[in-house]
PDB file of N, CA and C in Angstrom:
ATOM      1  N   MET A   1      69.653 109.848  18.170  1.00  0.00           N
ATOM      2  CA  MET A   1      69.281 109.721  19.568  1.00  0.00           C
ATOM      3  C   MET A   1      70.508 109.573  20.462  1.00  0.00           C
ATOM      4  N   ALA A   2      71.528 108.912  19.973  1.00  0.00           N
ATOM      5  CA  ALA A   2      72.711 108.694  20.793  1.00  0.00           C
ATOM      6  C   ALA A   2      73.450 109.989  21.099  1.00  0.00           C
ATOM      7  N   ASP A   3      73.229 111.048  20.312  1.00  0.00           N
ATOM      8  CA  ASP A   3      73.916 112.295  20.565  1.00  0.00           C
ATOM      9  C   ASP A   3      73.457 112.973  21.854  1.00  0.00           C
ATOM     10  N   LYS A   4      72.452 112.431  22.495  1.00  0.00           N
ATOM     11  CA  LYS A   4      71.965 112.987  23.750  1.00  0.00           C
ATOM     12  C   LYS A   4      72.676 112.374  24.967  1.00  0.00           C
ATOM     13  N   ILE A   5      73.578 111.437  24.741  1.00  0.00           N
ATOM     14  CA  ILE A   5      74.319 110.825  25.840  1.00  0.00           C
ATOM     15  C   ILE A   5      75.268 111.873  26.408  1.00  0.00           C
ATOM     16  N   LYS A   6      75.219 112.033  27.711  1.00  0.00           N
ATOM     17  CA  LYS A   6      76.003 113.070  28.371  1.00  0.00           C
ATOM     18  C   LYS A   6      77.388 112.558  28.746  1.00  0.00           C
ATOM     19  N   GLU A   7      78.331 113.476  28.792  1.00  0.00           N
ATOM     20  CA  GLU A   7      79.698 113.159  29.201  1.00  0.00           C
ATOM     21  C   GLU A   7      79.707 112.503  30.586  1.00  0.00           C
ATOM     22  N   SER A   8      78.790 112.896  31.451  1.00  0.00           N
ATOM     23  CA  SER A   8      78.743 112.355  32.812  1.00  0.00           C
ATOM     24  C   SER A   8      78.320 110.883  32.843  1.00  0.00           C
ATOM     25  N   GLU A   9      77.776 110.361  31.724  1.00  0.00           N
ATOM     26  CA  GLU A   9      77.346 108.965  31.685  1.00  0.00           C
ATOM     27  C   GLU A   9      78.473 108.016  31.292  1.00  0.00           C
ATOM     28  N   LEU A  10      79.649 108.554  31.041  1.00  0.00           N
ATOM     29  CA  LEU A  10      80.815 107.724  30.737  1.00  0.00           C
ATOM     30  C   LEU A  10      81.283 106.994  31.972  1.00  0.00           C
ATOM     31  N   PRO A  11      81.798 105.791  31.873  1.00  0.00           N
ATOM     32  CA  PRO A  11      81.730 104.951  30.682  1.00  0.00           C
ATOM     33  C   PRO A  11      80.338 104.345  30.539  1.00  0.00           C
ATOM     34  N   TYR A  12      80.017 103.948  29.310  1.00  0.00           N
ATOM     35  CA  TYR A  12      78.782 103.233  29.022  1.00  0.00           C
ATOM     36  C   TYR A  12      79.105 102.152  28.007  1.00  0.00           C
ATOM     37  N   TYR A  13      78.118 101.424  27.569  1.00  0.00           N
ATOM     38  CA  TYR A  13      78.351 100.289  26.673  1.00  0.00           C
ATOM     39  C   TYR A  13      77.568 100.442  25.377  1.00  0.00           C
ATOM     40  N   ALA A  14      78.183  99.967  24.304  1.00  0.00           N
ATOM     41  CA  ALA A  14      77.543  99.948  22.992  1.00  0.00           C
ATOM     42  C   ALA A  14      77.373  98.496  22.562  1.00  0.00           C
ATOM     43  N   VAL A  15      76.180  98.154  22.121  1.00  0.00           N
ATOM     44  CA  VAL A  15      75.914  96.844  21.545  1.00  0.00           C
ATOM     45  C   VAL A  15      75.757  97.065  20.045  1.00  0.00           C
ATOM     46  N   ILE A  16      76.648  96.482  19.273  1.00  0.00           N
ATOM     47  CA  ILE A  16      76.653  96.651  17.821  1.00  0.00           C
ATOM     48  C   ILE A  16      76.087  95.376  17.195  1.00  0.00           C
ATOM     49  N   PHE A  17      74.946  95.517  16.546  1.00  0.00           N
ATOM     50  CA  PHE A  17      74.267  94.393  15.893  1.00  0.00           C
ATOM     51  C   PHE A  17      74.305  94.628  14.392  1.00  0.00           C
ATOM     52  N   SER A  18      75.040  93.782  13.686  1.00  0.00           N
ATOM     53  CA  SER A  18      75.125  93.852  12.224  1.00  0.00           C
ATOM     54  C   SER A  18      74.408  92.649  11.654  1.00  0.00           C
ATOM     55  N   SER A  19      73.656  92.867  10.581  1.00  0.00           N
ATOM     56  CA  SER A  19      72.895  91.749  10.012  1.00  0.00           C
ATOM     57  C   SER A  19      72.765  91.872   8.505  1.00  0.00           C
ATOM     58  N   GLU A  20      72.642  90.717   7.885  1.00  0.00           N
ATOM     59  CA  GLU A  20      72.312  90.633   6.477  1.00  0.00           C
ATOM     60  C   GLU A  20      70.943  89.989   6.384  1.00  0.00           C
ATOM     61  N   ARG A  21      70.003  90.697   5.763  1.00  0.00           N
ATOM     62  CA  ARG A  21      68.608  90.278   5.719  1.00  0.00           C
ATOM     63  C   ARG A  21      68.352  89.177   4.691  1.00  0.00           C
ATOM     64  N   THR A  22      67.296  88.434   4.960  1.00  0.00           N
ATOM     65  CA  THR A  22      66.734  87.536   3.966  1.00  0.00           C
ATOM     66  C   THR A  22      65.825  88.358   3.062  1.00  0.00           C
ATOM     67  N   ASP A  23      65.330  87.763   1.996  1.00  0.00           N
ATOM     68  CA  ASP A  23      64.410  88.456   1.101  1.00  0.00           C
ATOM     69  C   ASP A  23      63.033  88.563   1.741  1.00  0.00           C
ATOM     70  N   GLY A  24      62.334  89.634   1.444  1.00  0.00           N
ATOM     71  CA  GLY A  24      60.965  89.811   1.924  1.00  0.00           C
ATOM     72  C   GLY A  24      60.891  90.531   3.247  1.00  0.00           C
ATOM     73  N   GLU A  25      59.792  91.234   3.441  1.00  0.00           N
ATOM     74  CA  GLU A  25      59.560  92.012   4.661  1.00  0.00           C
ATOM     75  C   GLU A  25      59.202  91.105   5.835  1.00  0.00           C
ATOM     76  N   ASN A  26      58.196  90.278   5.667  1.00  0.00           N
ATOM     77  CA  ASN A  26      57.778  89.294   6.676  1.00  0.00           C
ATOM     78  C   ASN A  26      57.579  89.869   8.072  1.00  0.00           C
ATOM     79  N   GLY A  27      57.107  91.113   8.163  1.00  0.00           N
ATOM     80  CA  GLY A  27      56.841  91.725   9.463  1.00  0.00           C
ATOM     81  C   GLY A  27      58.057  92.316  10.153  1.00  0.00           C
ATOM     82  N   TYR A  28      59.185  92.367   9.459  1.00  0.00           N
ATOM     83  CA  TYR A  28      60.426  92.844  10.072  1.00  0.00           C
ATOM     84  C   TYR A  28      60.329  94.299  10.545  1.00  0.00           C
ATOM     85  N   GLY A  29      59.857  95.180   9.684  1.00  0.00           N
ATOM     86  CA  GLY A  29      59.809  96.604  10.018  1.00  0.00           C
ATOM     87  C   GLY A  29      58.991  96.894  11.259  1.00  0.00           C
ATOM     88  N   LYS A  30      57.838  96.270  11.344  1.00  0.00           N
ATOM     89  CA  LYS A  30      56.964  96.474  12.500  1.00  0.00           C
ATOM     90  C   LYS A  30      57.639  95.986  13.788  1.00  0.00           C
ATOM     91  N   MET A  31      58.267  94.811  13.710  1.00  0.00           N
ATOM     92  CA  MET A  31      58.949  94.275  14.894  1.00  0.00           C
ATOM     93  C   MET A  31      60.137  95.149  15.279  1.00  0.00           C
ATOM     94  N   ALA A  32      60.890  95.646  14.299  1.00  0.00           N
ATOM     95  CA  ALA A  32      62.037  96.503  14.599  1.00  0.00           C
ATOM     96  C   ALA A  32      61.587  97.768  15.335  1.00  0.00           C
ATOM     97  N   GLU A  33      60.501  98.380  14.871  1.00  0.00           N
ATOM     98  CA  GLU A  33      59.963  99.569  15.542  1.00  0.00           C
ATOM     99  C   GLU A  33      59.546  99.246  16.972  1.00  0.00           C
ATOM    100  N   LYS A  34      58.863  98.122  17.136  1.00  0.00           N
ATOM    101  CA  LYS A  34      58.398  97.706  18.463  1.00  0.00           C
ATOM    102  C   LYS A  34      59.579  97.486  19.411  1.00  0.00           C
ATOM    103  N   MET A  35      60.660  96.887  18.916  1.00  0.00           N
ATOM    104  CA  MET A  35      61.826  96.623  19.766  1.00  0.00           C
ATOM    105  C   MET A  35      62.501  97.914  20.195  1.00  0.00           C
ATOM    106  N   VAL A  36      62.599  98.896  19.306  1.00  0.00           N
ATOM    107  CA  VAL A  36      63.197 100.182  19.691  1.00  0.00           C
ATOM    108  C   VAL A  36      62.336 100.864  20.751  1.00  0.00           C
ATOM    109  N   GLU A  37      61.025 100.858  20.560  1.00  0.00           N
ATOM    110  CA  GLU A  37      60.119 101.458  21.548  1.00  0.00           C
ATOM    111  C   GLU A  37      60.238 100.764  22.902  1.00  0.00           C
ATOM    112  N   LEU A  38      60.303  99.449  22.882  1.00  0.00           N
ATOM    113  CA  LEU A  38      60.399  98.685  24.126  1.00  0.00           C
ATOM    114  C   LEU A  38      61.756  98.877  24.791  1.00  0.00           C
ATOM    115  N   ALA A  39      62.829  98.853  24.011  1.00  0.00           N
ATOM    116  CA  ALA A  39      64.172  99.049  24.565  1.00  0.00           C
ATOM    117  C   ALA A  39      64.271 100.411  25.246  1.00  0.00           C
ATOM    118  N   ALA A  40      63.659 101.425  24.631  1.00  0.00           N
ATOM    119  CA  ALA A  40      63.720 102.780  25.174  1.00  0.00           C
ATOM    120  C   ALA A  40      63.087 102.879  26.562  1.00  0.00           C
ATOM    121  N   LYS A  41      62.231 101.944  26.906  1.00  0.00           N
ATOM    122  CA  LYS A  41      61.577 101.940  28.216  1.00  0.00           C
ATOM    123  C   LYS A  41      62.371 101.161  29.265  1.00  0.00           C
ATOM    124  N   GLN A  42      63.460 100.507  28.851  1.00  0.00           N
ATOM    125  CA  GLN A  42      64.218  99.673  29.767  1.00  0.00           C
ATOM    126  C   GLN A  42      65.178 100.510  30.600  1.00  0.00           C
ATOM    127  N   GLU A  43      65.308 100.146  31.850  1.00  0.00           N
ATOM    128  CA  GLU A  43      66.256 100.817  32.728  1.00  0.00           C
ATOM    129  C   GLU A  43      67.666 100.643  32.167  1.00  0.00           C
ATOM    130  N   GLY A  44      68.397 101.734  32.094  1.00  0.00           N
ATOM    131  CA  GLY A  44      69.772 101.681  31.618  1.00  0.00           C
ATOM    132  C   GLY A  44      69.933 101.946  30.134  1.00  0.00           C
ATOM    133  N   PHE A  45      68.834 102.107  29.402  1.00  0.00           N
ATOM    134  CA  PHE A  45      68.902 102.402  27.970  1.00  0.00           C
ATOM    135  C   PHE A  45      69.274 103.862  27.779  1.00  0.00           C
ATOM    136  N   LEU A  46      70.246 104.133  26.884  1.00  0.00           N
ATOM    137  CA  LEU A  46      70.696 105.499  26.646  1.00  0.00           C
ATOM    138  C   LEU A  46      70.360 106.021  25.252  1.00  0.00           C
ATOM    139  N   GLY A  47      70.230 105.131  24.277  1.00  0.00           N
ATOM    140  CA  GLY A  47      69.936 105.587  22.928  1.00  0.00           C
ATOM    141  C   GLY A  47      70.213 104.510  21.904  1.00  0.00           C
ATOM    142  N   VAL A  48      69.904 104.834  20.649  1.00  0.00           N
ATOM    143  CA  VAL A  48      70.104 103.872  19.556  1.00  0.00           C
ATOM    144  C   VAL A  48      70.362 104.640  18.259  1.00  0.00           C
ATOM    145  N   GLU A  49      71.176 104.060  17.406  1.00  0.00           N
ATOM    146  CA  GLU A  49      71.425 104.560  16.055  1.00  0.00           C
ATOM    147  C   GLU A  49      71.315 103.353  15.128  1.00  0.00           C
ATOM    148  N   SER A  50      70.742 103.565  13.948  1.00  0.00           N
ATOM    149  CA  SER A  50      70.540 102.438  13.052  1.00  0.00           C
ATOM    150  C   SER A  50      70.604 102.888  11.598  1.00  0.00           C
ATOM    151  N   ALA A  51      71.140 102.018  10.756  1.00  0.00           N
ATOM    152  CA  ALA A  51      71.161 102.243   9.309  1.00  0.00           C
ATOM    153  C   ALA A  51      70.923 100.905   8.630  1.00  0.00           C
ATOM    154  N   ARG A  52      70.113 100.941   7.549  1.00  0.00           N
ATOM    155  CA  ARG A  52      69.807  99.706   6.846  1.00  0.00           C
ATOM    156  C   ARG A  52      69.528 100.017   5.392  1.00  0.00           C
ATOM    157  N   ASP A  53      70.018  99.136   4.514  1.00  0.00           N
ATOM    158  CA  ASP A  53      69.601  99.192   3.119  1.00  0.00           C
ATOM    159  C   ASP A  53      68.810  97.916   2.835  1.00  0.00           C
ATOM    160  N   GLU A  54      68.719  97.512   1.612  1.00  0.00           N
ATOM    161  CA  GLU A  54      67.910  96.328   1.269  1.00  0.00           C
ATOM    162  C   GLU A  54      68.385  95.061   1.978  1.00  0.00           C
ATOM    163  N   GLN A  55      69.675  94.922   2.191  1.00  0.00           N
ATOM    164  CA  GLN A  55      70.215  93.698   2.784  1.00  0.00           C
ATOM    165  C   GLN A  55      70.947  93.914   4.104  1.00  0.00           C
ATOM    166  N   LEU A  56      71.873  94.865   4.139  1.00  0.00           N
ATOM    167  CA  LEU A  56      72.748  95.044   5.293  1.00  0.00           C
ATOM    168  C   LEU A  56      72.187  96.061   6.279  1.00  0.00           C
ATOM    169  N   GLY A  57      72.269  95.732   7.555  1.00  0.00           N
ATOM    170  CA  GLY A  57      71.839  96.658   8.590  1.00  0.00           C
ATOM    171  C   GLY A  57      72.815  96.685   9.742  1.00  0.00           C
ATOM    172  N   ILE A  58      72.950  97.852  10.362  1.00  0.00           N
ATOM    173  CA  ILE A  58      73.774  98.007  11.556  1.00  0.00           C
ATOM    174  C   ILE A  58      72.974  98.832  12.552  1.00  0.00           C
ATOM    175  N   THR A  59      72.791  98.276  13.732  1.00  0.00           N
ATOM    176  CA  THR A  59      72.113  98.980  14.818  1.00  0.00           C
ATOM    177  C   THR A  59      73.050  99.002  16.012  1.00  0.00           C
ATOM    178  N   VAL A  60      73.239 100.177  16.570  1.00  0.00           N
ATOM    179  CA  VAL A  60      74.062 100.335  17.766  1.00  0.00           C
ATOM    180  C   VAL A  60      73.161 100.866  18.872  1.00  0.00           C
ATOM    181  N   SER A  61      73.027 100.082  19.935  1.00  0.00           N
ATOM    182  CA  SER A  61      72.270 100.562  21.091  1.00  0.00           C
ATOM    183  C   SER A  61      73.257 100.844  22.223  1.00  0.00           C
ATOM    184  N   TYR A  62      72.911 101.821  23.047  1.00  0.00           N
ATOM    185  CA  TYR A  62      73.803 102.285  24.105  1.00  0.00           C
ATOM    186  C   TYR A  62      73.145 102.050  25.464  1.00  0.00           C
ATOM    187  N   TRP A  63      73.939 101.557  26.403  1.00  0.00           N
ATOM    188  CA  TRP A  63      73.440 101.131  27.710  1.00  0.00           C
ATOM    189  C   TRP A  63      74.365 101.583  28.819  1.00  0.00           C
ATOM    190  N   GLN A  64      73.790 101.803  30.005  1.00  0.00           N
ATOM    191  CA  GLN A  64      74.567 102.246  31.162  1.00  0.00           C
ATOM    192  C   GLN A  64      75.449 101.150  31.734  1.00  0.00           C
ATOM    193  N   SER A  65      75.049  99.884  31.575  1.00  0.00           N
ATOM    194  CA  SER A  65      75.791  98.805  32.234  1.00  0.00           C
ATOM    195  C   SER A  65      75.623  97.489  31.490  1.00  0.00           C
ATOM    196  N   LEU A  66      76.508  96.557  31.807  1.00  0.00           N
ATOM    197  CA  LEU A  66      76.388  95.203  31.262  1.00  0.00           C
ATOM    198  C   LEU A  66      75.129  94.516  31.796  1.00  0.00           C
ATOM    199  N   GLU A  67      74.747  94.847  33.022  1.00  0.00           N
ATOM    200  CA  GLU A  67      73.532  94.277  33.602  1.00  0.00           C
ATOM    201  C   GLU A  67      72.293  94.714  32.826  1.00  0.00           C
ATOM    202  N   ALA A  68      72.246  95.978  32.423  1.00  0.00           N
ATOM    203  CA  ALA A  68      71.117  96.476  31.632  1.00  0.00           C
ATOM    204  C   ALA A  68      71.051  95.768  30.284  1.00  0.00           C
ATOM    205  N   ILE A  69      72.204  95.520  29.681  1.00  0.00           N
ATOM    206  CA  ILE A  69      72.252  94.785  28.410  1.00  0.00           C
ATOM    207  C   ILE A  69      71.715  93.370  28.610  1.00  0.00           C
ATOM    208  N   GLN A  70      72.125  92.718  29.664  1.00  0.00           N
ATOM    209  CA  GLN A  70      71.668  91.343  29.927  1.00  0.00           C
ATOM    210  C   GLN A  70      70.163  91.294  30.152  1.00  0.00           C
ATOM    211  N   LYS A  71      69.632  92.263  30.882  1.00  0.00           N
ATOM    212  CA  LYS A  71      68.184  92.303  31.104  1.00  0.00           C
ATOM    213  C   LYS A  71      67.435  92.479  29.796  1.00  0.00           C
ATOM    214  N   TRP A  72      67.963  93.322  28.906  1.00  0.00           N
ATOM    215  CA  TRP A  72      67.326  93.496  27.602  1.00  0.00           C
ATOM    216  C   TRP A  72      67.414  92.205  26.786  1.00  0.00           C
ATOM    217  N   LYS A  73      68.553  91.555  26.819  1.00  0.00           N
ATOM    218  CA  LYS A  73      68.723  90.288  26.094  1.00  0.00           C
ATOM    219  C   LYS A  73      67.707  89.260  26.576  1.00  0.00           C
ATOM    220  N   ASP A  74      67.429  89.247  27.872  1.00  0.00           N
ATOM    221  CA  ASP A  74      66.541  88.262  28.477  1.00  0.00           C
ATOM    222  C   ASP A  74      65.065  88.658  28.444  1.00  0.00           C
ATOM    223  N   HIS A  75      64.753  89.875  28.023  1.00  0.00           N
ATOM    224  CA  HIS A  75      63.363  90.346  27.993  1.00  0.00           C
ATOM    225  C   HIS A  75      62.525  89.432  27.098  1.00  0.00           C
ATOM    226  N   ALA A  76      61.360  89.030  27.553  1.00  0.00           N
ATOM    227  CA  ALA A  76      60.532  88.045  26.857  1.00  0.00           C
ATOM    228  C   ALA A  76      60.188  88.454  25.421  1.00  0.00           C
ATOM    229  N   ALA A  77      59.757  89.688  25.216  1.00  0.00           N
ATOM    230  CA  ALA A  77      59.399  90.136  23.866  1.00  0.00           C
ATOM    231  C   ALA A  77      60.629  90.198  22.966  1.00  0.00           C
ATOM    232  N   HIS A  78      61.760  90.595  23.538  1.00  0.00           N
ATOM    233  CA  HIS A  78      62.997  90.642  22.762  1.00  0.00           C
ATOM    234  C   HIS A  78      63.436  89.222  22.387  1.00  0.00           C
ATOM    235  N   GLN A  79      63.216  88.268  23.261  1.00  0.00           N
ATOM    236  CA  GLN A  79      63.562  86.874  22.961  1.00  0.00           C
ATOM    237  C   GLN A  79      62.750  86.350  21.775  1.00  0.00           C
ATOM    238  N   ILE A  80      61.486  86.721  21.721  1.00  0.00           N
ATOM    239  CA  ILE A  80      60.635  86.322  20.585  1.00  0.00           C
ATOM    240  C   ILE A  80      61.186  86.922  19.295  1.00  0.00           C
ATOM    241  N   ALA A  81      61.556  88.200  19.332  1.00  0.00           N
ATOM    242  CA  ALA A  81      62.122  88.858  18.153  1.00  0.00           C
ATOM    243  C   ALA A  81      63.437  88.195  17.739  1.00  0.00           C
ATOM    244  N   GLN A  82      64.260  87.829  18.722  1.00  0.00           N
ATOM    245  CA  GLN A  82      65.528  87.168  18.414  1.00  0.00           C
ATOM    246  C   GLN A  82      65.290  85.844  17.690  1.00  0.00           C
ATOM    247  N   GLU A  83      64.341  85.069  18.162  1.00  0.00           N
ATOM    248  CA  GLU A  83      64.039  83.779  17.526  1.00  0.00           C
ATOM    249  C   GLU A  83      63.505  83.954  16.109  1.00  0.00           C
ATOM    250  N   ARG A  84      62.620  84.918  15.928  1.00  0.00           N
ATOM    251  CA  ARG A  84      62.112  85.182  14.574  1.00  0.00           C
ATOM    252  C   ARG A  84      63.244  85.635  13.658  1.00  0.00           C
ATOM    253  N   GLY A  85      64.146  86.431  14.204  1.00  0.00           N
ATOM    254  CA  GLY A  85      65.288  86.877  13.419  1.00  0.00           C
ATOM    255  C   GLY A  85      66.116  85.714  12.915  1.00  0.00           C
ATOM    256  N   LYS A  86      66.399  84.773  13.790  1.00  0.00           N
ATOM    257  CA  LYS A  86      67.195  83.591  13.411  1.00  0.00           C
ATOM    258  C   LYS A  86      66.476  82.750  12.366  1.00  0.00           C
ATOM    259  N   LYS A  87      65.155  82.623  12.489  1.00  0.00           N
ATOM    260  CA  LYS A  87      64.379  81.745  11.604  1.00  0.00           C
ATOM    261  C   LYS A  87      63.943  82.413  10.308  1.00  0.00           C
ATOM    262  N   GLU A  88      63.619  83.729  10.357  1.00  0.00           N
ATOM    263  CA  GLU A  88      62.970  84.376   9.225  1.00  0.00           C
ATOM    264  C   GLU A  88      63.724  85.527   8.584  1.00  0.00           C
ATOM    265  N   TRP A  89      64.408  86.358   9.368  1.00  0.00           N
ATOM    266  CA  TRP A  89      64.842  87.654   8.878  1.00  0.00           C
ATOM    267  C   TRP A  89      66.315  87.771   8.515  1.00  0.00           C
ATOM    268  N   TYR A  90      67.181  86.964   9.116  1.00  0.00           N
ATOM    269  CA  TYR A  90      68.615  87.168   8.925  1.00  0.00           C
ATOM    270  C   TYR A  90      69.277  85.978   8.247  1.00  0.00           C
ATOM    271  N   GLN A  91      70.113  86.297   7.233  1.00  0.00           N
ATOM    272  CA  GLN A  91      70.990  85.285   6.648  1.00  0.00           C
ATOM    273  C   GLN A  91      72.204  85.111   7.544  1.00  0.00           C
ATOM    274  N   THR A  92      72.732  86.237   7.996  1.00  0.00           N
ATOM    275  CA  THR A  92      73.860  86.248   8.932  1.00  0.00           C
ATOM    276  C   THR A  92      73.678  87.422   9.888  1.00  0.00           C
ATOM    277  N   PHE A  93      74.280  87.316  11.055  1.00  0.00           N
ATOM    278  CA  PHE A  93      74.301  88.455  11.973  1.00  0.00           C
ATOM    279  C   PHE A  93      75.472  88.313  12.927  1.00  0.00           C
ATOM    280  N   SER A  94      75.888  89.430  13.485  1.00  0.00           N
ATOM    281  CA  SER A  94      76.936  89.432  14.499  1.00  0.00           C
ATOM    282  C   SER A  94      76.555  90.421  15.594  1.00  0.00           C
ATOM    283  N   LEU A  95      77.104  90.191  16.755  1.00  0.00           N
ATOM    284  CA  LEU A  95      76.815  91.022  17.913  1.00  0.00           C
ATOM    285  C   LEU A  95      78.131  91.310  18.629  1.00  0.00           C
ATOM    286  N   ARG A  96      78.357  92.578  18.911  1.00  0.00           N
ATOM    287  CA  ARG A  96      79.563  92.983  19.632  1.00  0.00           C
ATOM    288  C   ARG A  96      79.147  93.895  20.781  1.00  0.00           C
ATOM    289  N   VAL A  97      79.792  93.743  21.919  1.00  0.00           N
ATOM    290  CA  VAL A  97      79.548  94.610  23.069  1.00  0.00           C
ATOM    291  C   VAL A  97      80.863  95.326  23.380  1.00  0.00           C
ATOM    292  N   CYS A  98      80.802  96.639  23.423  1.00  0.00           N
ATOM    293  CA  CYS A  98      82.002  97.451  23.618  1.00  0.00           C
ATOM    294  C   CYS A  98      81.805  98.424  24.775  1.00  0.00           C
ATOM    295  N   LYS A  99      82.850  98.679  25.495  1.00  0.00           N
ATOM    296  CA  LYS A  99      82.829  99.694  26.545  1.00  0.00           C
ATOM    297  C   LYS A  99      83.278 101.019  25.939  1.00  0.00           C
ATOM    298  N   VAL A 100      82.466 102.055  26.099  1.00  0.00           N
ATOM    299  CA  VAL A 100      82.778 103.383  25.573  1.00  0.00           C
ATOM    300  C   VAL A 100      83.353 104.211  26.717  1.00  0.00           C
ATOM    301  N   GLU A 101      84.588 104.613  26.580  1.00  0.00           N
ATOM    302  CA  GLU A 101      85.255 105.360  27.631  1.00  0.00           C
ATOM    303  C   GLU A 101      85.353 106.849  27.334  1.00  0.00           C
ATOM    304  N   ARG A 102      85.182 107.221  26.074  1.00  0.00           N
ATOM    305  CA  ARG A 102      85.111 108.640  25.728  1.00  0.00           C
ATOM    306  C   ARG A 102      84.349 108.770  24.420  1.00  0.00           C
ATOM    307  N   HIS A 103      83.790 109.940  24.231  1.00  0.00           N
ATOM    308  CA  HIS A 103      83.072 110.230  22.998  1.00  0.00           C
ATOM    309  C   HIS A 103      83.170 111.717  22.696  1.00  0.00           C
ATOM    310  N   ARG A 104      82.932 112.020  21.444  1.00  0.00           N
ATOM    311  CA  ARG A 104      82.882 113.410  20.988  1.00  0.00           C
ATOM    312  C   ARG A 104      81.753 113.504  19.980  1.00  0.00           C
ATOM    313  N   PHE A 105      80.987 114.574  20.037  1.00  0.00           N
ATOM    314  CA  PHE A 105      79.918 114.814  19.082  1.00  0.00           C
ATOM    315  C   PHE A 105      80.158 116.178  18.450  1.00  0.00           C
ATOM    316  N   PHE A 106      79.993 116.242  17.153  1.00  0.00           N
ATOM    317  CA  PHE A 106      80.240 117.471  16.425  1.00  0.00           C
ATOM    318  C   PHE A 106      79.001 117.850  15.632  1.00  0.00           C
ATOM    319  N   GLU A 107      78.701 119.111  15.617  1.00  0.00           N
ATOM    320  CA  GLU A 107      77.620 119.633  14.784  1.00  0.00           C
ATOM    321  C   GLU A 107      78.257 120.492  13.709  1.00  0.00           C
ATOM    322  N   MET A 108      77.772 120.341  12.497  1.00  0.00           N
ATOM    323  CA  MET A 108      78.328 121.104  11.367  1.00  0.00           C
ATOM    324  C   MET A 108      77.327 122.135  10.909  1.00  0.00           C
TER     325      MET A 108
END
């Protein structure tokens, strides 16, 4: 999805969320799908890329501004997911916010 970001949208921001899961599903997959669907409806959302195996996951979401990121962080449904993540789903996690000043996409 992130490959649809246009050169004209530079600069933009990437939020990199890395996590190590706890054992068991416990509703994680359903909530993750719901959060992507909800984020996609937020003003300033540009796209998302995600990879996960049994334990480790990395999700990168792309946003037009720091304000859009803050609004998503403060969104009520996202706050519920964040709390469940801390209590049920993650052993560890990290969050990084980066400014993207250039990008290149290649098709093979």
